[in-house]
Structures are given as C-alpha cells and as structure tokens.
Amino acid sequence: MQDDEHEELDGKIVRPFLLTKGRTRSSGVQVVMESLIDRGDIEPHQFQALDQTKRSIFELLSDRLSAAEIAAKLALPLGVICVLVGDMGGDGILVVHKTADAGDVDLLRRLIDGVRSL
C-alpha cells in the first residue's frame, strides 16, 4: 500500500507533507509520540466533514492509543500523526491527554525505583 515516502489513498499517491499541508506543527494542541489520545464527543456532521485520513484516525480510536501506536497502525509517519491529531484535538474531535513532564525529578526517581524493584 505504501513505501517510506508515499501513502496510497483511493488509487492516488499522496506524499505525507500534503496531508499536513506542509506543516510540521499542529495549529491545535501539542502532541508527542507518547501522548495518549481518545475520541471526543462529536456530532455526525463533524465526522462527515473530516477527510479520509482524519476519519481513519477517529475510527481507530475505539480504545485509547498513543500517537506512536496510531502512526504504526495507519502506516503513516509519526510527525504527520502528531500534526493531524493535534489539529483534531484543538477542534475537540479528539482528546489529547497531557504527558508526564520529563523535568519532574521526583517522578523520574519513582520510575527508576519502580524499574529497579522489578
């Protein structure tokens, strides 16, 4: 269906940067690879207004997934997913859960202690 640079949609080859309109950052919320994403509560007309890629993302989220999992399941670059999911999060179509702050030293120590106890 695709190689590293292309996605085939409806028989047409689409370069990933076209899916984001050339953007590398979302106009909505910030999404990183470990961000957890859920569907938002939307009206049927909002779903109908989505393009095929965004519909695929929405439909995939019957369970909470990370941005990295969405990218892998849809075979799209992570950067494209982060931009599209961020846009959809900003529009209330998806819920993007905030990730842990990597600067939280206490959290990092607890994680290290937890891993050591395994």
PDB file of N, CA and C in Angstrom:
ATOM      1  N   MET A   1       0.815  -1.207   0.000  1.00  0.00           N
ATOM      2  CA  MET A   1       0.000   0.000   0.000  1.00  0.00           C
ATOM      3  C   MET A   1       0.850   1.258   0.000  1.00  0.00           C
ATOM      4  N   GLN A   2       1.996   1.250   0.679  1.00  0.00           N
ATOM      5  CA  GLN A   2       2.821   2.444   0.679  1.00  0.00           C
ATOM      6  C   GLN A   2       4.276   2.088   0.876  1.00  0.00           C
ATOM      7  N   ASP A   3       5.140   3.017   0.472  1.00  0.00           N
ATOM      8  CA  ASP A   3       6.544   2.870   0.813  1.00  0.00           C
ATOM      9  C   ASP A   3       6.882   3.971   1.803  1.00  0.00           C
ATOM     10  N   ASP A   4       8.164   4.246   2.035  1.00  0.00           N
ATOM     11  CA  ASP A   4       8.549   5.211   3.051  1.00  0.00           C
ATOM     12  C   ASP A   4       8.090   6.631   2.763  1.00  0.00           C
ATOM     13  N   GLU A   5       7.845   6.969   1.519  1.00  0.00           N
ATOM     14  CA  GLU A   5       7.536   8.347   1.182  1.00  0.00           C
ATOM     15  C   GLU A   5       6.105   8.564   0.715  1.00  0.00           C
ATOM     16  N   HIS A   6       5.315   7.521   0.532  1.00  0.00           N
ATOM     17  CA  HIS A   6       4.012   7.684  -0.077  1.00  0.00           C
ATOM     18  C   HIS A   6       2.937   6.922   0.662  1.00  0.00           C
ATOM     19  N   GLU A   7       1.729   7.414   0.541  1.00  0.00           N
ATOM     20  CA  GLU A   7       0.555   6.693   1.009  1.00  0.00           C
ATOM     21  C   GLU A   7      -0.405   6.619  -0.159  1.00  0.00           C
ATOM     22  N   GLU A   8      -1.004   5.479  -0.347  1.00  0.00           N
ATOM     23  CA  GLU A   8      -1.947   5.325  -1.438  1.00  0.00           C
ATOM     24  C   GLU A   8      -3.355   5.466  -0.879  1.00  0.00           C
ATOM     25  N   LEU A   9      -4.081   6.448  -1.346  1.00  0.00           N
ATOM     26  CA  LEU A   9      -5.464   6.680  -0.943  1.00  0.00           C
ATOM     27  C   LEU A   9      -6.316   6.744  -2.197  1.00  0.00           C
ATOM     28  N   ASP A  10      -7.323   5.895  -2.261  1.00  0.00           N
ATOM     29  CA  ASP A  10      -8.236   5.889  -3.405  1.00  0.00           C
ATOM     30  C   ASP A  10      -7.491   5.837  -4.731  1.00  0.00           C
ATOM     31  N   GLY A  11      -6.405   5.059  -4.785  1.00  0.00           N
ATOM     32  CA  GLY A  11      -5.675   4.890  -6.030  1.00  0.00           C
ATOM     33  C   GLY A  11      -4.720   6.023  -6.355  1.00  0.00           C
ATOM     34  N   LYS A  12      -4.607   7.024  -5.504  1.00  0.00           N
ATOM     35  CA  LYS A  12      -3.704   8.149  -5.751  1.00  0.00           C
ATOM     36  C   LYS A  12      -2.551   8.090  -4.763  1.00  0.00           C
ATOM     37  N   ILE A  13      -1.393   8.499  -5.204  1.00  0.00           N
ATOM     38  CA  ILE A  13      -0.226   8.567  -4.328  1.00  0.00           C
ATOM     39  C   ILE A  13      -0.219   9.952  -3.680  1.00  0.00           C
ATOM     40  N   VAL A  14      -0.123   9.967  -2.334  1.00  0.00           N
ATOM     41  CA  VAL A  14      -0.135  11.226  -1.593  1.00  0.00           C
ATOM     42  C   VAL A  14       1.112  11.283  -0.733  1.00  0.00           C
ATOM     43  N   ARG A  15       1.900  12.310  -0.898  1.00  0.00           N
ATOM     44  CA  ARG A  15       3.082  12.494  -0.066  1.00  0.00           C
ATOM     45  C   ARG A  15       2.626  12.931   1.330  1.00  0.00           C
ATOM     46  N   PRO A  16       3.299  12.440   2.365  1.00  0.00           N
ATOM     47  CA  PRO A  16       2.879  12.772   3.734  1.00  0.00           C
ATOM     48  C   PRO A  16       2.757  14.259   4.020  1.00  0.00           C
ATOM     49  N   PHE A  17       3.666  15.079   3.478  1.00  0.00           N
ATOM     50  CA  PHE A  17       3.593  16.513   3.776  1.00  0.00           C
ATOM     51  C   PHE A  17       2.333  17.160   3.208  1.00  0.00           C
ATOM     52  N   LEU A  18       1.714  16.531   2.217  1.00  0.00           N
ATOM     53  CA  LEU A  18       0.462  17.063   1.689  1.00  0.00           C
ATOM     54  C   LEU A  18      -0.687  16.844   2.673  1.00  0.00           C
ATOM     55  N   LEU A  19      -0.603  15.775   3.472  1.00  0.00           N
ATOM     56  CA  LEU A  19      -1.644  15.505   4.464  1.00  0.00           C
ATOM     57  C   LEU A  19      -1.688  16.588   5.532  1.00  0.00           C
ATOM     58  N   THR A  20      -0.538  17.208   5.794  1.00  0.00           N
ATOM     59  CA  THR A  20      -0.463  18.262   6.816  1.00  0.00           C
ATOM     60  C   THR A  20      -0.402  19.655   6.189  1.00  0.00           C
ATOM     61  N   LYS A  21      -0.573  19.717   4.876  1.00  0.00           N
ATOM     62  CA  LYS A  21      -0.476  20.983   4.135  1.00  0.00           C
ATOM     63  C   LYS A  21       0.895  21.633   4.339  1.00  0.00           C
ATOM     64  N   GLY A  22       1.917  20.781   4.430  1.00  0.00           N
ATOM     65  CA  GLY A  22       3.283  21.253   4.566  1.00  0.00           C
ATOM     66  C   GLY A  22       3.680  21.672   5.970  1.00  0.00           C
ATOM     67  N   ARG A  23       2.774  21.559   6.926  1.00  0.00           N
ATOM     68  CA  ARG A  23       3.077  21.999   8.296  1.00  0.00           C
ATOM     69  C   ARG A  23       3.818  20.913   9.060  1.00  0.00           C
ATOM     70  N   THR A  24       4.671  21.344   9.965  1.00  0.00           N
ATOM     71  CA  THR A  24       5.374  20.403  10.839  1.00  0.00           C
ATOM     72  C   THR A  24       4.894  20.531  12.280  1.00  0.00           C
ATOM     73  N   ARG A  25       4.006  21.484  12.525  1.00  0.00           N
ATOM     74  CA  ARG A  25       3.426  21.691  13.862  1.00  0.00           C
ATOM     75  C   ARG A  25       1.922  21.845  13.731  1.00  0.00           C
ATOM     76  N   SER A  26       1.233  21.389  14.750  1.00  0.00           N
ATOM     77  CA  SER A  26      -0.220  21.475  14.777  1.00  0.00           C
ATOM     78  C   SER A  26      -0.675  22.902  15.049  1.00  0.00           C
ATOM     79  N   SER A  27      -1.843  23.241  14.534  1.00  0.00           N
ATOM     80  CA  SER A  27      -2.455  24.532  14.865  1.00  0.00           C
ATOM     81  C   SER A  27      -3.321  24.388  16.113  1.00  0.00           C
ATOM     82  N   GLY A  28      -3.409  23.173  16.649  1.00  0.00           N
ATOM     83  CA  GLY A  28      -4.224  22.899  17.836  1.00  0.00           C
ATOM     84  C   GLY A  28      -3.358  22.660  19.056  1.00  0.00           C
ATOM     85  N   VAL A  29      -3.413  21.444  19.590  1.00  0.00           N
ATOM     86  CA  VAL A  29      -2.659  21.110  20.789  1.00  0.00           C
ATOM     87  C   VAL A  29      -1.370  20.383  20.431  1.00  0.00           C
ATOM     88  N   GLN A  30      -0.395  20.440  21.334  1.00  0.00           N
ATOM     89  CA  GLN A  30       0.879  19.762  21.095  1.00  0.00           C
ATOM     90  C   GLN A  30       0.709  18.268  21.354  1.00  0.00           C
ATOM     91  N   VAL A  31       1.231  17.473  20.444  1.00  0.00           N
ATOM     92  CA  VAL A  31       1.183  16.018  20.558  1.00  0.00           C
ATOM     93  C   VAL A  31       2.602  15.493  20.402  1.00  0.00           C
ATOM     94  N   VAL A  32       2.994  14.609  21.311  1.00  0.00           N
ATOM     95  CA  VAL A  32       4.282  13.922  21.208  1.00  0.00           C
ATOM     96  C   VAL A  32       4.002  12.432  21.089  1.00  0.00           C
ATOM     97  N   MET A  33       5.015  11.653  20.792  1.00  0.00           N
ATOM     98  CA  MET A  33       4.779  10.247  20.470  1.00  0.00           C
ATOM     99  C   MET A  33       4.103   9.474  21.586  1.00  0.00           C
ATOM    100  N   GLU A  34       4.325   9.832  22.837  1.00  0.00           N
ATOM    101  CA  GLU A  34       3.722   9.090  23.936  1.00  0.00           C
ATOM    102  C   GLU A  34       2.374   9.665  24.380  1.00  0.00           C
ATOM    103  N   SER A  35       1.924  10.731  23.741  1.00  0.00           N
ATOM    104  CA  SER A  35       0.619  11.300  24.084  1.00  0.00           C
ATOM    105  C   SER A  35      -0.472  10.246  23.902  1.00  0.00           C
ATOM    106  N   LEU A  36      -1.352  10.149  24.885  1.00  0.00           N
ATOM    107  CA  LEU A  36      -2.480   9.228  24.786  1.00  0.00           C
ATOM    108  C   LEU A  36      -3.683   9.980  24.251  1.00  0.00           C
ATOM    109  N   ILE A  37      -4.404   9.337  23.343  1.00  0.00           N
ATOM    110  CA  ILE A  37      -5.481  10.005  22.619  1.00  0.00           C
ATOM    111  C   ILE A  37      -6.759   9.181  22.710  1.00  0.00           C
ATOM    112  N   ASP A  38      -7.880   9.881  22.913  1.00  0.00           N
ATOM    113  CA  ASP A  38      -9.216   9.292  22.911  1.00  0.00           C
ATOM    114  C   ASP A  38     -10.077  10.053  21.917  1.00  0.00           C
ATOM    115  N   ARG A  39     -11.174   9.425  21.527  1.00  0.00           N
ATOM    116  CA  ARG A  39     -12.177  10.124  20.717  1.00  0.00           C
ATOM    117  C   ARG A  39     -12.861  11.178  21.579  1.00  0.00           C
ATOM    118  N   GLY A  40     -13.223  12.286  20.932  1.00  0.00           N
ATOM    119  CA  GLY A  40     -14.059  13.271  21.585  1.00  0.00           C
ATOM    120  C   GLY A  40     -15.518  12.964  21.265  1.00  0.00           C
ATOM    121  N   ASP A  41     -16.413  13.658  21.930  1.00  0.00           N
ATOM    122  CA  ASP A  41     -17.842  13.518  21.622  1.00  0.00           C
ATOM    123  C   ASP A  41     -18.168  14.502  20.511  1.00  0.00           C
ATOM    124  N   ILE A  42     -18.446  13.972  19.326  1.00  0.00           N
ATOM    125  CA  ILE A  42     -18.729  14.843  18.193  1.00  0.00           C
ATOM    126  C   ILE A  42     -20.059  14.472  17.565  1.00  0.00           C
ATOM    127  N   GLU A  43     -20.593  15.404  16.836  1.00  0.00           N
ATOM    128  CA  GLU A  43     -21.844  15.215  16.110  1.00  0.00           C
ATOM    129  C   GLU A  43     -21.558  14.517  14.782  1.00  0.00           C
ATOM    130  N   PRO A  44     -22.535  13.803  14.238  1.00  0.00           N
ATOM    131  CA  PRO A  44     -22.324  13.113  12.952  1.00  0.00           C
ATOM    132  C   PRO A  44     -21.841  14.041  11.834  1.00  0.00           C
ATOM    133  N   HIS A  45     -22.335  15.280  11.799  1.00  0.00           N
ATOM    134  CA  HIS A  45     -21.908  16.191  10.735  1.00  0.00           C
ATOM    135  C   HIS A  45     -20.423  16.554  10.867  1.00  0.00           C
ATOM    136  N   GLN A  46     -19.895  16.545  12.103  1.00  0.00           N
ATOM    137  CA  GLN A  46     -18.466  16.812  12.289  1.00  0.00           C
ATOM    138  C   GLN A  46     -17.636  15.659  11.723  1.00  0.00           C
ATOM    139  N   PHE A  47     -18.109  14.431  11.945  1.00  0.00           N
ATOM    140  CA  PHE A  47     -17.406  13.268  11.401  1.00  0.00           C
ATOM    141  C   PHE A  47     -17.439  13.303   9.879  1.00  0.00           C
ATOM    142  N   GLN A  48     -18.566  13.632   9.310  1.00  0.00           N
ATOM    143  CA  GLN A  48     -18.711  13.675   7.852  1.00  0.00           C
ATOM    144  C   GLN A  48     -17.797  14.716   7.222  1.00  0.00           C
ATOM    145  N   ALA A  49     -17.477  15.775   7.958  1.00  0.00           N
ATOM    146  CA  ALA A  49     -16.636  16.852   7.429  1.00  0.00           C
ATOM    147  C   ALA A  49     -15.149  16.489   7.430  1.00  0.00           C
ATOM    148  N   LEU A  50     -14.774  15.401   8.106  1.00  0.00           N
ATOM    149  CA  LEU A  50     -13.360  15.005   8.175  1.00  0.00           C
ATOM    150  C   LEU A  50     -12.896  14.408   6.851  1.00  0.00           C
ATOM    151  N   ASP A  51     -11.619  14.641   6.514  1.00  0.00           N
ATOM    152  CA  ASP A  51     -11.059  13.966   5.336  1.00  0.00           C
ATOM    153  C   ASP A  51     -10.793  12.503   5.693  1.00  0.00           C
ATOM    154  N   GLN A  52     -10.428  11.707   4.712  1.00  0.00           N
ATOM    155  CA  GLN A  52     -10.292  10.263   4.907  1.00  0.00           C
ATOM    156  C   GLN A  52      -9.249   9.901   5.959  1.00  0.00           C
ATOM    157  N   THR A  53      -8.137  10.605   5.985  1.00  0.00           N
ATOM    158  CA  THR A  53      -7.088  10.292   6.958  1.00  0.00           C
ATOM    159  C   THR A  53      -7.567  10.569   8.376  1.00  0.00           C
ATOM    160  N   LYS A  54      -8.216  11.704   8.576  1.00  0.00           N
ATOM    161  CA  LYS A  54      -8.727  12.028   9.909  1.00  0.00           C
ATOM    162  C   LYS A  54      -9.855  11.089  10.320  1.00  0.00           C
ATOM    163  N   ARG A  55     -10.665  10.653   9.382  1.00  0.00           N
ATOM    164  CA  ARG A  55     -11.692   9.651   9.696  1.00  0.00           C
ATOM    165  C   ARG A  55     -11.047   8.352  10.152  1.00  0.00           C
ATOM    166  N   SER A  56      -9.977   7.961   9.470  1.00  0.00           N
ATOM    167  CA  SER A  56      -9.270   6.732   9.837  1.00  0.00           C
ATOM    168  C   SER A  56      -8.713   6.824  11.252  1.00  0.00           C
ATOM    169  N   ILE A  57      -8.160   7.976  11.595  1.00  0.00           N
ATOM    170  CA  ILE A  57      -7.641   8.187  12.945  1.00  0.00           C
ATOM    171  C   ILE A  57      -8.780   8.069  13.954  1.00  0.00           C
ATOM    172  N   PHE A  58      -9.879   8.761  13.708  1.00  0.00           N
ATOM    173  CA  PHE A  58     -11.016   8.752  14.625  1.00  0.00           C
ATOM    174  C   PHE A  58     -11.559   7.334  14.806  1.00  0.00           C
ATOM    175  N   GLU A  59     -11.742   6.616  13.706  1.00  0.00           N
ATOM    176  CA  GLU A  59     -12.296   5.265  13.763  1.00  0.00           C
ATOM    177  C   GLU A  59     -11.366   4.298  14.489  1.00  0.00           C
ATOM    178  N   LEU A  60     -10.067   4.496  14.379  1.00  0.00           N
ATOM    179  CA  LEU A  60      -9.093   3.639  15.032  1.00  0.00           C
ATOM    180  C   LEU A  60      -9.168   3.749  16.552  1.00  0.00           C
ATOM    181  N   LEU A  61      -9.644   4.866  17.041  1.00  0.00           N
ATOM    182  CA  LEU A  61      -9.607   5.139  18.474  1.00  0.00           C
ATOM    183  C   LEU A  61     -10.823   4.595  19.237  1.00  0.00           C
ATOM    184  N   SER A  62     -11.185   3.349  18.975  1.00  0.00           N
ATOM    185  CA  SER A  62     -12.219   2.730  19.802  1.00  0.00           C
ATOM    186  C   SER A  62     -11.648   2.472  21.196  1.00  0.00           C
ATOM    187  N   ASP A  63     -10.328   2.356  21.287  1.00  0.00           N
ATOM    188  CA  ASP A  63      -9.596   2.274  22.551  1.00  0.00           C
ATOM    189  C   ASP A  63      -8.566   3.399  22.570  1.00  0.00           C
ATOM    190  N   ARG A  64      -8.174   3.803  23.766  1.00  0.00           N
ATOM    191  CA  ARG A  64      -7.147   4.832  23.906  1.00  0.00           C
ATOM    192  C   ARG A  64      -5.836   4.318  23.324  1.00  0.00           C
ATOM    193  N   LEU A  65      -5.199   5.133  22.492  1.00  0.00           N
ATOM    194  CA  LEU A  65      -3.916   4.783  21.884  1.00  0.00           C
ATOM    195  C   LEU A  65      -2.951   5.955  22.000  1.00  0.00           C
ATOM    196  N   SER A  66      -1.670   5.660  21.900  1.00  0.00           N
ATOM    197  CA  SER A  66      -0.662   6.719  21.840  1.00  0.00           C
ATOM    198  C   SER A  66      -0.517   7.179  20.395  1.00  0.00           C
ATOM    199  N   ALA A  67       0.081   8.329  20.220  1.00  0.00           N
ATOM    200  CA  ALA A  67       0.325   8.832  18.871  1.00  0.00           C
ATOM    201  C   ALA A  67       1.207   7.853  18.097  1.00  0.00           C
ATOM    202  N   ALA A  68       2.189   7.253  18.768  1.00  0.00           N
ATOM    203  CA  ALA A  68       3.073   6.290  18.104  1.00  0.00           C
ATOM    204  C   ALA A  68       2.294   5.062  17.629  1.00  0.00           C
ATOM    205  N   GLU A  69       1.343   4.599  18.439  1.00  0.00           N
ATOM    206  CA  GLU A  69       0.535   3.439  18.035  1.00  0.00           C
ATOM    207  C   GLU A  69      -0.345   3.769  16.837  1.00  0.00           C
ATOM    208  N   ILE A  70      -0.907   4.971  16.827  1.00  0.00           N
ATOM    209  CA  ILE A  70      -1.735   5.388  15.691  1.00  0.00           C
ATOM    210  C   ILE A  70      -0.896   5.409  14.421  1.00  0.00           C
ATOM    211  N   ALA A  71       0.293   5.997  14.517  1.00  0.00           N
ATOM    212  CA  ALA A  71       1.188   6.064  13.351  1.00  0.00           C
ATOM    213  C   ALA A  71       1.513   4.664  12.839  1.00  0.00           C
ATOM    214  N   ALA A  72       1.808   3.755  13.744  1.00  0.00           N
ATOM    215  CA  ALA A  72       2.163   2.391  13.336  1.00  0.00           C
ATOM    216  C   ALA A  72       0.969   1.678  12.702  1.00  0.00           C
ATOM    217  N   LYS A  73      -0.191   1.794  13.308  1.00  0.00           N
ATOM    218  CA  LYS A  73      -1.376   1.094  12.802  1.00  0.00           C
ATOM    219  C   LYS A  73      -1.831   1.632  11.446  1.00  0.00           C
ATOM    220  N   LEU A  74      -1.651   2.937  11.216  1.00  0.00           N
ATOM    221  CA  LEU A  74      -2.060   3.533   9.944  1.00  0.00           C
ATOM    222  C   LEU A  74      -0.911   3.617   8.938  1.00  0.00           C
ATOM    223  N   ALA A  75       0.271   3.169   9.346  1.00  0.00           N
ATOM    224  CA  ALA A  75       1.456   3.199   8.491  1.00  0.00           C
ATOM    225  C   ALA A  75       1.717   4.597   7.929  1.00  0.00           C
ATOM    226  N   LEU A  76       1.650   5.577   8.827  1.00  0.00           N
ATOM    227  CA  LEU A  76       1.940   6.966   8.476  1.00  0.00           C
ATOM    228  C   LEU A  76       3.079   7.465   9.348  1.00  0.00           C
ATOM    229  N   PRO A  77       3.850   8.436   8.879  1.00  0.00           N
ATOM    230  CA  PRO A  77       4.929   8.991   9.694  1.00  0.00           C
ATOM    231  C   PRO A  77       4.394   9.602  10.986  1.00  0.00           C
ATOM    232  N   LEU A  78       5.140   9.423  12.069  1.00  0.00           N
ATOM    233  CA  LEU A  78       4.739   9.950  13.367  1.00  0.00           C
ATOM    234  C   LEU A  78       4.514  11.456  13.319  1.00  0.00           C
ATOM    235  N   GLY A  79       5.354  12.177  12.600  1.00  0.00           N
ATOM    236  CA  GLY A  79       5.193  13.633  12.509  1.00  0.00           C
ATOM    237  C   GLY A  79       3.854  14.034  11.903  1.00  0.00           C
ATOM    238  N   VAL A  80       3.410  13.303  10.899  1.00  0.00           N
ATOM    239  CA  VAL A  80       2.109  13.573  10.279  1.00  0.00           C
ATOM    240  C   VAL A  80       0.995  13.331  11.292  1.00  0.00           C
ATOM    241  N   ILE A  81       1.078  12.227  12.017  1.00  0.00           N
ATOM    242  CA  ILE A  81       0.055  11.911  13.016  1.00  0.00           C
ATOM    243  C   ILE A  81       0.024  12.975  14.101  1.00  0.00           C
ATOM    244  N   CYS A  82       1.188  13.422  14.570  1.00  0.00           N
ATOM    245  CA  CYS A  82       1.220  14.452  15.614  1.00  0.00           C
ATOM    246  C   CYS A  82       0.544  15.739  15.152  1.00  0.00           C
ATOM    247  N   VAL A  83       0.769  16.131  13.913  1.00  0.00           N
ATOM    248  CA  VAL A  83       0.135  17.349  13.387  1.00  0.00           C
ATOM    249  C   VAL A  83      -1.380  17.158  13.272  1.00  0.00           C
ATOM    250  N   LEU A  84      -1.803  16.059  12.653  1.00  0.00           N
ATOM    251  CA  LEU A  84      -3.237  15.834  12.440  1.00  0.00           C
ATOM    252  C   LEU A  84      -3.989  15.629  13.745  1.00  0.00           C
ATOM    253  N   VAL A  85      -3.433  14.838  14.652  1.00  0.00           N
ATOM    254  CA  VAL A  85      -4.079  14.609  15.946  1.00  0.00           C
ATOM    255  C   VAL A  85      -4.134  15.910  16.740  1.00  0.00           C
ATOM    256  N   GLY A  86      -3.068  16.702  16.674  1.00  0.00           N
ATOM    257  CA  GLY A  86      -3.073  18.000  17.359  1.00  0.00           C
ATOM    258  C   GLY A  86      -4.157  18.919  16.830  1.00  0.00           C
ATOM    259  N   ASP A  87      -4.315  18.942  15.512  1.00  0.00           N
ATOM    260  CA  ASP A  87      -5.385  19.744  14.910  1.00  0.00           C
ATOM    261  C   ASP A  87      -6.759  19.256  15.386  1.00  0.00           C
ATOM    262  N   MET A  88      -6.932  17.934  15.363  1.00  0.00           N
ATOM    263  CA  MET A  88      -8.217  17.356  15.770  1.00  0.00           C
ATOM    264  C   MET A  88      -8.471  17.576  17.259  1.00  0.00           C
ATOM    265  N   GLY A  89      -7.421  17.558  18.060  1.00  0.00           N
ATOM    266  CA  GLY A  89      -7.552  17.851  19.484  1.00  0.00           C
ATOM    267  C   GLY A  89      -7.956  19.296  19.717  1.00  0.00           C
ATOM    268  N   GLY A  90      -7.375  20.198  18.956  1.00  0.00           N
ATOM    269  CA  GLY A  90      -7.731  21.612  19.068  1.00  0.00           C
ATOM    270  C   GLY A  90      -9.165  21.888  18.674  1.00  0.00           C
ATOM    271  N   ASP A  91      -9.707  21.045  17.777  1.00  0.00           N
ATOM    272  CA  ASP A  91     -11.093  21.198  17.335  1.00  0.00           C
ATOM    273  C   ASP A  91     -12.079  20.433  18.211  1.00  0.00           C
ATOM    274  N   GLY A  92     -11.577  19.720  19.238  1.00  0.00           N
ATOM    275  CA  GLY A  92     -12.452  18.964  20.126  1.00  0.00           C
ATOM    276  C   GLY A  92     -12.902  17.620  19.565  1.00  0.00           C
ATOM    277  N   ILE A  93     -12.339  17.218  18.440  1.00  0.00           N
ATOM    278  CA  ILE A  93     -12.703  15.941  17.827  1.00  0.00           C
ATOM    279  C   ILE A  93     -12.027  14.797  18.566  1.00  0.00           C
ATOM    280  N   LEU A  94     -10.813  15.050  19.055  1.00  0.00           N
ATOM    281  CA  LEU A  94     -10.082  14.090  19.854  1.00  0.00           C
ATOM    282  C   LEU A  94      -9.696  14.724  21.180  1.00  0.00           C
ATOM    283  N   VAL A  95      -9.437  13.879  22.167  1.00  0.00           N
ATOM    284  CA  VAL A  95      -8.944  14.340  23.469  1.00  0.00           C
ATOM    285  C   VAL A  95      -7.499  13.881  23.578  1.00  0.00           C
ATOM    286  N   VAL A  96      -6.590  14.839  23.708  1.00  0.00           N
ATOM    287  CA  VAL A  96      -5.163  14.536  23.844  1.00  0.00           C
ATOM    288  C   VAL A  96      -4.809  14.723  25.312  1.00  0.00           C
ATOM    289  N   HIS A  97      -4.410  13.633  25.948  1.00  0.00           N
ATOM    290  CA  HIS A  97      -4.078  13.674  27.373  1.00  0.00           C
ATOM    291  C   HIS A  97      -2.652  14.156  27.554  1.00  0.00           C
ATOM    292  N   LYS A  98      -2.483  15.004  28.529  1.00  0.00           N
ATOM    293  CA  LYS A  98      -1.170  15.577  28.813  1.00  0.00           C
ATOM    294  C   LYS A  98      -0.225  14.484  29.308  1.00  0.00           C
ATOM    295  N   THR A  99       1.011  14.522  28.828  1.00  0.00           N
ATOM    296  CA  THR A  99       2.013  13.542  29.231  1.00  0.00           C
ATOM    297  C   THR A  99       2.757  14.037  30.460  1.00  0.00           C
ATOM    298  N   ALA A 100       3.448  13.134  31.111  1.00  0.00           N
ATOM    299  CA  ALA A 100       4.238  13.496  32.287  1.00  0.00           C
ATOM    300  C   ALA A 100       5.345  14.457  31.875  1.00  0.00           C
ATOM    301  N   ASP A 101       5.636  15.392  32.733  1.00  0.00           N
ATOM    302  CA  ASP A 101       6.707  16.359  32.489  1.00  0.00           C
ATOM    303  C   ASP A 101       8.047  15.690  32.738  1.00  0.00           C
ATOM    304  N   ALA A 102       8.871  15.614  31.707  1.00  0.00           N
ATOM    305  CA  ALA A 102      10.182  14.963  31.831  1.00  0.00           C
ATOM    306  C   ALA A 102      11.092  15.707  32.799  1.00  0.00           C
ATOM    307  N   GLY A 103      10.755  16.929  33.140  1.00  0.00           N
ATOM    308  CA  GLY A 103      11.550  17.705  34.086  1.00  0.00           C
ATOM    309  C   GLY A 103      11.175  17.434  35.533  1.00  0.00           C
ATOM    310  N   ASP A 104      10.185  16.586  35.774  1.00  0.00           N
ATOM    311  CA  ASP A 104       9.741  16.251  37.118  1.00  0.00           C
ATOM    312  C   ASP A 104      10.708  15.221  37.708  1.00  0.00           C
ATOM    313  N   VAL A 105      11.648  15.686  38.507  1.00  0.00           N
ATOM    314  CA  VAL A 105      12.703  14.829  39.046  1.00  0.00           C
ATOM    315  C   VAL A 105      12.128  13.766  39.966  1.00  0.00           C
ATOM    316  N   ASP A 106      11.131  14.127  40.784  1.00  0.00           N
ATOM    317  CA  ASP A 106      10.532  13.143  41.687  1.00  0.00           C
ATOM    318  C   ASP A 106       9.876  12.013  40.908  1.00  0.00           C
ATOM    319  N   LEU A 107       9.182  12.330  39.834  1.00  0.00           N
ATOM    320  CA  LEU A 107       8.562  11.303  39.001  1.00  0.00           C
ATOM    321  C   LEU A 107       9.623  10.391  38.402  1.00  0.00           C
ATOM    322  N   LEU A 108      10.699  10.963  37.899  1.00  0.00           N
ATOM    323  CA  LEU A 108      11.766  10.155  37.311  1.00  0.00           C
ATOM    324  C   LEU A 108      12.398   9.234  38.352  1.00  0.00           C
ATOM    325  N   ARG A 109      12.586   9.724  39.557  1.00  0.00           N
ATOM    326  CA  ARG A 109      13.153   8.879  40.621  1.00  0.00           C
ATOM    327  C   ARG A 109      12.210   7.726  40.956  1.00  0.00           C
ATOM    328  N   ARG A 110      10.907   8.005  41.038  1.00  0.00           N
ATOM    329  CA  ARG A 110       9.933   6.946  41.323  1.00  0.00           C
ATOM    330  C   ARG A 110       9.931   5.902  40.196  1.00  0.00           C
ATOM    331  N   LEU A 111      10.034   6.355  38.954  1.00  0.00           N
ATOM    332  CA  LEU A 111      10.094   5.427  37.830  1.00  0.00           C
ATOM    333  C   LEU A 111      11.348   4.550  37.896  1.00  0.00           C
ATOM    334  N   ILE A 112      12.468   5.150  38.192  1.00  0.00           N
ATOM    335  CA  ILE A 112      13.724   4.400  38.298  1.00  0.00           C
ATOM    336  C   ILE A 112      13.632   3.383  39.435  1.00  0.00           C
ATOM    337  N   ASP A 113      13.101   3.806  40.600  1.00  0.00           N
ATOM    338  CA  ASP A 113      12.935   2.897  41.719  1.00  0.00           C
ATOM    339  C   ASP A 113      11.998   1.748  41.371  1.00  0.00           C
ATOM    340  N   GLY A 114      10.932   2.051  40.629  1.00  0.00           N
ATOM    341  CA  GLY A 114       9.990   1.012  40.219  1.00  0.00           C
ATOM    342  C   GLY A 114      10.622   0.000  39.287  1.00  0.00           C
ATOM    343  N   VAL A 115      11.424   0.483  38.358  1.00  0.00           N
ATOM    344  CA  VAL A 115      12.101  -0.421  37.415  1.00  0.00           C
ATOM    345  C   VAL A 115      13.117  -1.274  38.163  1.00  0.00           C
ATOM    346  N   ARG A 116      13.843  -0.691  39.097  1.00  0.00           N
ATOM    347  CA  ARG A 116      14.840  -1.449  39.869  1.00  0.00           C
ATOM    348  C   ARG A 116      14.171  -2.546  40.699  1.00  0.00           C
ATOM    349  N   SER A 117      12.980  -2.277  41.198  1.00  0.00           N
ATOM    350  CA  SER A 117      12.300  -3.277  42.042  1.00  0.00           C
ATOM    351  C   SER A 117      11.790  -4.472  41.238  1.00  0.00           C
ATOM    352  N   LEU A 118      11.745  -4.335  39.923  1.00  0.00           N
ATOM    353  CA  LEU A 118      11.333  -5.466  39.090  1.00  0.00           C
ATOM    354  C   LEU A 118      12.412  -6.489  39.059  1.00  0.00           C
TER     355      LEU A 118
END
